[in-house]
Amino acid sequence: MGTGLTVPAEFEPGHSDAERARLLAVHFLRFAFSEPAVRAFRDSPVALVVDHRGGRRRTELSAETKAALLEDLAP
């Protein structure tokens, strides 16, 4: 986010094969937003960033995507 704030993703439990260190083709992620993170999400540019040993990718969320996601963050 524009404030430099980072909200890391967490894999939802029960959606991976931990014994074989494999993940399903569809990843179920959760983001735990604090109140300051919700304000920053609303008021700043937001990017989705993937850091992986194979490379780093970043894409900024569109205004439409942010608006839809903000509905999920509303109290």
N, C-alpha and C. Protein backbone atom coordinates (compact mmCIF):
# COMPACT_ATOMS: atom_id res chain seq x y z
N MET A 1 0.84 -1.16 0.00
CA MET A 1 0.00 0.00 0.00
C MET A 1 0.89 1.23 0.00
N GLY A 2 0.34 2.36 -0.38
CA GLY A 2 1.11 3.57 -0.50
C GLY A 2 1.82 3.98 0.79
N THR A 3 1.33 3.52 1.91
CA THR A 3 1.92 3.86 3.20
C THR A 3 3.11 2.97 3.53
N GLY A 4 3.39 2.00 2.69
CA GLY A 4 4.45 1.05 2.98
C GLY A 4 3.99 -0.08 3.88
N LEU A 5 2.71 -0.08 4.21
CA LEU A 5 2.14 -1.10 5.08
C LEU A 5 1.96 -2.39 4.28
N THR A 6 2.30 -3.52 4.89
CA THR A 6 2.16 -4.82 4.25
C THR A 6 1.22 -5.69 5.05
N VAL A 7 0.30 -6.37 4.36
CA VAL A 7 -0.60 -7.34 4.99
C VAL A 7 -0.30 -8.69 4.36
N PRO A 8 0.45 -9.55 5.06
CA PRO A 8 0.82 -10.84 4.46
C PRO A 8 -0.37 -11.79 4.36
N ALA A 9 -0.35 -12.62 3.34
CA ALA A 9 -1.37 -13.65 3.17
C ALA A 9 -1.04 -14.85 4.04
N GLU A 10 -2.09 -15.53 4.48
CA GLU A 10 -1.93 -16.78 5.22
C GLU A 10 -2.75 -17.84 4.50
N PHE A 11 -2.18 -19.02 4.32
CA PHE A 11 -2.94 -20.11 3.71
C PHE A 11 -4.01 -20.58 4.67
N GLU A 12 -5.23 -20.77 4.15
CA GLU A 12 -6.29 -21.32 4.99
C GLU A 12 -5.96 -22.76 5.31
N PRO A 13 -6.16 -23.17 6.56
CA PRO A 13 -5.89 -24.57 6.92
C PRO A 13 -6.84 -25.52 6.20
N GLY A 14 -6.34 -26.73 5.95
CA GLY A 14 -7.17 -27.76 5.35
C GLY A 14 -7.18 -27.77 3.84
N HIS A 15 -6.37 -26.91 3.21
CA HIS A 15 -6.36 -26.85 1.75
C HIS A 15 -5.01 -27.21 1.14
N SER A 16 -4.15 -27.88 1.90
CA SER A 16 -2.86 -28.28 1.34
C SER A 16 -2.53 -29.70 1.79
N ASP A 17 -1.62 -30.31 1.11
CA ASP A 17 -1.15 -31.64 1.45
C ASP A 17 0.22 -31.47 2.10
N ALA A 18 0.21 -31.12 3.39
CA ALA A 18 1.44 -30.77 4.10
C ALA A 18 2.44 -31.93 4.15
N GLU A 19 1.96 -33.15 4.19
CA GLU A 19 2.88 -34.29 4.30
C GLU A 19 3.75 -34.42 3.06
N ARG A 20 3.24 -34.04 1.91
CA ARG A 20 4.00 -34.15 0.67
C ARG A 20 4.53 -32.79 0.21
N ALA A 21 4.31 -31.76 1.03
CA ALA A 21 4.77 -30.40 0.73
C ALA A 21 4.23 -29.93 -0.62
N ARG A 22 2.95 -30.24 -0.87
CA ARG A 22 2.31 -29.80 -2.11
C ARG A 22 1.09 -28.98 -1.77
N LEU A 23 0.74 -28.10 -2.68
CA LEU A 23 -0.47 -27.30 -2.55
C LEU A 23 -1.44 -27.67 -3.66
N LEU A 24 -2.70 -27.45 -3.42
CA LEU A 24 -3.70 -27.65 -4.45
C LEU A 24 -3.54 -26.60 -5.54
N ALA A 25 -4.15 -26.84 -6.69
CA ALA A 25 -4.06 -25.89 -7.80
C ALA A 25 -4.72 -24.56 -7.45
N VAL A 26 -5.74 -24.61 -6.62
CA VAL A 26 -6.40 -23.38 -6.17
C VAL A 26 -5.91 -23.09 -4.76
N HIS A 27 -5.44 -21.87 -4.55
CA HIS A 27 -4.92 -21.49 -3.24
C HIS A 27 -5.97 -20.68 -2.49
N PHE A 28 -6.20 -21.02 -1.25
CA PHE A 28 -7.15 -20.32 -0.40
C PHE A 28 -6.34 -19.48 0.57
N LEU A 29 -6.42 -18.15 0.40
CA LEU A 29 -5.63 -17.24 1.21
C LEU A 29 -6.53 -16.33 2.03
N ARG A 30 -6.02 -15.92 3.19
CA ARG A 30 -6.70 -14.95 4.04
C ARG A 30 -5.73 -13.82 4.32
N PHE A 31 -6.29 -12.63 4.47
CA PHE A 31 -5.51 -11.45 4.83
C PHE A 31 -6.14 -10.86 6.08
N ALA A 32 -5.37 -10.76 7.16
CA ALA A 32 -5.88 -10.22 8.43
C ALA A 32 -5.57 -8.72 8.45
N PHE A 33 -6.60 -7.90 8.25
CA PHE A 33 -6.44 -6.45 8.18
C PHE A 33 -6.71 -5.82 9.54
N SER A 34 -5.77 -5.02 10.02
CA SER A 34 -5.98 -4.20 11.21
C SER A 34 -6.76 -2.96 10.77
N GLU A 35 -7.26 -2.17 11.72
CA GLU A 35 -7.96 -0.93 11.38
C GLU A 35 -7.06 0.02 10.58
N PRO A 36 -5.79 0.22 10.99
CA PRO A 36 -4.92 1.08 10.18
C PRO A 36 -4.72 0.53 8.76
N ALA A 37 -4.67 -0.78 8.62
CA ALA A 37 -4.50 -1.38 7.29
C ALA A 37 -5.75 -1.15 6.43
N VAL A 38 -6.94 -1.22 7.04
CA VAL A 38 -8.18 -0.96 6.29
C VAL A 38 -8.18 0.49 5.81
N ARG A 39 -7.80 1.43 6.67
CA ARG A 39 -7.75 2.85 6.27
C ARG A 39 -6.74 3.05 5.14
N ALA A 40 -5.58 2.43 5.27
CA ALA A 40 -4.55 2.57 4.23
C ALA A 40 -5.04 1.95 2.92
N PHE A 41 -5.72 0.82 3.00
CA PHE A 41 -6.26 0.16 1.81
C PHE A 41 -7.24 1.09 1.11
N ARG A 42 -8.09 1.73 1.89
CA ARG A 42 -9.12 2.61 1.34
C ARG A 42 -8.50 3.87 0.71
N ASP A 43 -7.48 4.43 1.37
CA ASP A 43 -7.00 5.76 1.01
C ASP A 43 -5.74 5.79 0.16
N SER A 44 -5.12 4.66 -0.12
CA SER A 44 -3.83 4.63 -0.82
C SER A 44 -3.88 3.67 -2.00
N PRO A 45 -2.96 3.82 -2.94
CA PRO A 45 -2.83 2.81 -3.99
C PRO A 45 -2.48 1.46 -3.35
N VAL A 46 -3.00 0.38 -3.91
CA VAL A 46 -2.80 -0.96 -3.35
C VAL A 46 -2.25 -1.87 -4.44
N ALA A 47 -1.25 -2.67 -4.07
CA ALA A 47 -0.67 -3.63 -5.01
C ALA A 47 -0.68 -5.01 -4.38
N LEU A 48 -0.87 -6.00 -5.22
CA LEU A 48 -0.72 -7.39 -4.82
C LEU A 48 0.69 -7.79 -5.22
N VAL A 49 1.46 -8.29 -4.26
CA VAL A 49 2.86 -8.64 -4.51
C VAL A 49 3.06 -10.11 -4.17
N VAL A 50 3.72 -10.82 -5.08
CA VAL A 50 4.07 -12.22 -4.85
C VAL A 50 5.58 -12.30 -4.82
N ASP A 51 6.12 -12.77 -3.69
CA ASP A 51 7.56 -13.01 -3.57
C ASP A 51 7.76 -14.52 -3.57
N HIS A 52 8.48 -15.01 -4.54
CA HIS A 52 8.70 -16.45 -4.69
C HIS A 52 10.14 -16.65 -5.14
N ARG A 53 10.70 -17.78 -4.81
CA ARG A 53 12.09 -18.02 -5.20
C ARG A 53 12.27 -17.95 -6.72
N GLY A 54 11.18 -18.17 -7.46
CA GLY A 54 11.24 -18.10 -8.92
C GLY A 54 11.09 -16.69 -9.47
N GLY A 55 10.82 -15.74 -8.62
CA GLY A 55 10.69 -14.36 -9.08
C GLY A 55 9.70 -13.58 -8.24
N ARG A 56 9.70 -12.29 -8.47
CA ARG A 56 8.79 -11.40 -7.74
C ARG A 56 7.88 -10.73 -8.76
N ARG A 57 6.60 -10.68 -8.45
CA ARG A 57 5.63 -10.03 -9.33
C ARG A 57 4.81 -9.06 -8.51
N ARG A 58 4.39 -7.97 -9.15
CA ARG A 58 3.62 -6.93 -8.49
C ARG A 58 2.60 -6.39 -9.48
N THR A 59 1.36 -6.22 -9.03
CA THR A 59 0.35 -5.59 -9.85
C THR A 59 -0.51 -4.69 -8.98
N GLU A 60 -0.77 -3.50 -9.46
CA GLU A 60 -1.61 -2.57 -8.70
C GLU A 60 -3.08 -2.91 -8.95
N LEU A 61 -3.87 -2.86 -7.88
CA LEU A 61 -5.29 -3.16 -8.00
C LEU A 61 -6.02 -1.98 -8.65
N SER A 62 -6.98 -2.30 -9.50
CA SER A 62 -7.80 -1.26 -10.12
C SER A 62 -8.76 -0.67 -9.09
N ALA A 63 -9.32 0.49 -9.41
CA ALA A 63 -10.30 1.12 -8.53
C ALA A 63 -11.51 0.22 -8.34
N GLU A 64 -11.92 -0.48 -9.38
CA GLU A 64 -13.08 -1.37 -9.29
C GLU A 64 -12.81 -2.54 -8.36
N THR A 65 -11.61 -3.12 -8.45
CA THR A 65 -11.25 -4.23 -7.57
C THR A 65 -11.17 -3.78 -6.13
N LYS A 66 -10.55 -2.62 -5.90
CA LYS A 66 -10.47 -2.08 -4.54
C LYS A 66 -11.86 -1.87 -3.97
N ALA A 67 -12.78 -1.30 -4.75
CA ALA A 67 -14.13 -1.03 -4.27
C ALA A 67 -14.82 -2.33 -3.87
N ALA A 68 -14.67 -3.36 -4.70
CA ALA A 68 -15.30 -4.65 -4.38
C ALA A 68 -14.71 -5.24 -3.09
N LEU A 69 -13.39 -5.17 -2.94
CA LEU A 69 -12.75 -5.73 -1.76
C LEU A 69 -13.08 -4.92 -0.50
N LEU A 70 -13.24 -3.61 -0.64
CA LEU A 70 -13.59 -2.78 0.51
C LEU A 70 -14.94 -3.18 1.10
N GLU A 71 -15.83 -3.69 0.26
CA GLU A 71 -17.12 -4.18 0.78
C GLU A 71 -16.89 -5.32 1.77
N ASP A 72 -15.90 -6.17 1.52
CA ASP A 72 -15.58 -7.28 2.41
C ASP A 72 -14.94 -6.80 3.71
N LEU A 73 -14.31 -5.62 3.68
CA LEU A 73 -13.61 -5.10 4.86
C LEU A 73 -14.52 -4.23 5.73
N ALA A 74 -15.72 -3.92 5.21
CA ALA A 74 -16.63 -3.06 5.98
C ALA A 74 -17.10 -3.79 7.23
N PRO A 75 -17.23 -3.04 8.35
CA PRO A 75 -17.67 -3.67 9.60
C PRO A 75 -19.11 -4.14 9.53
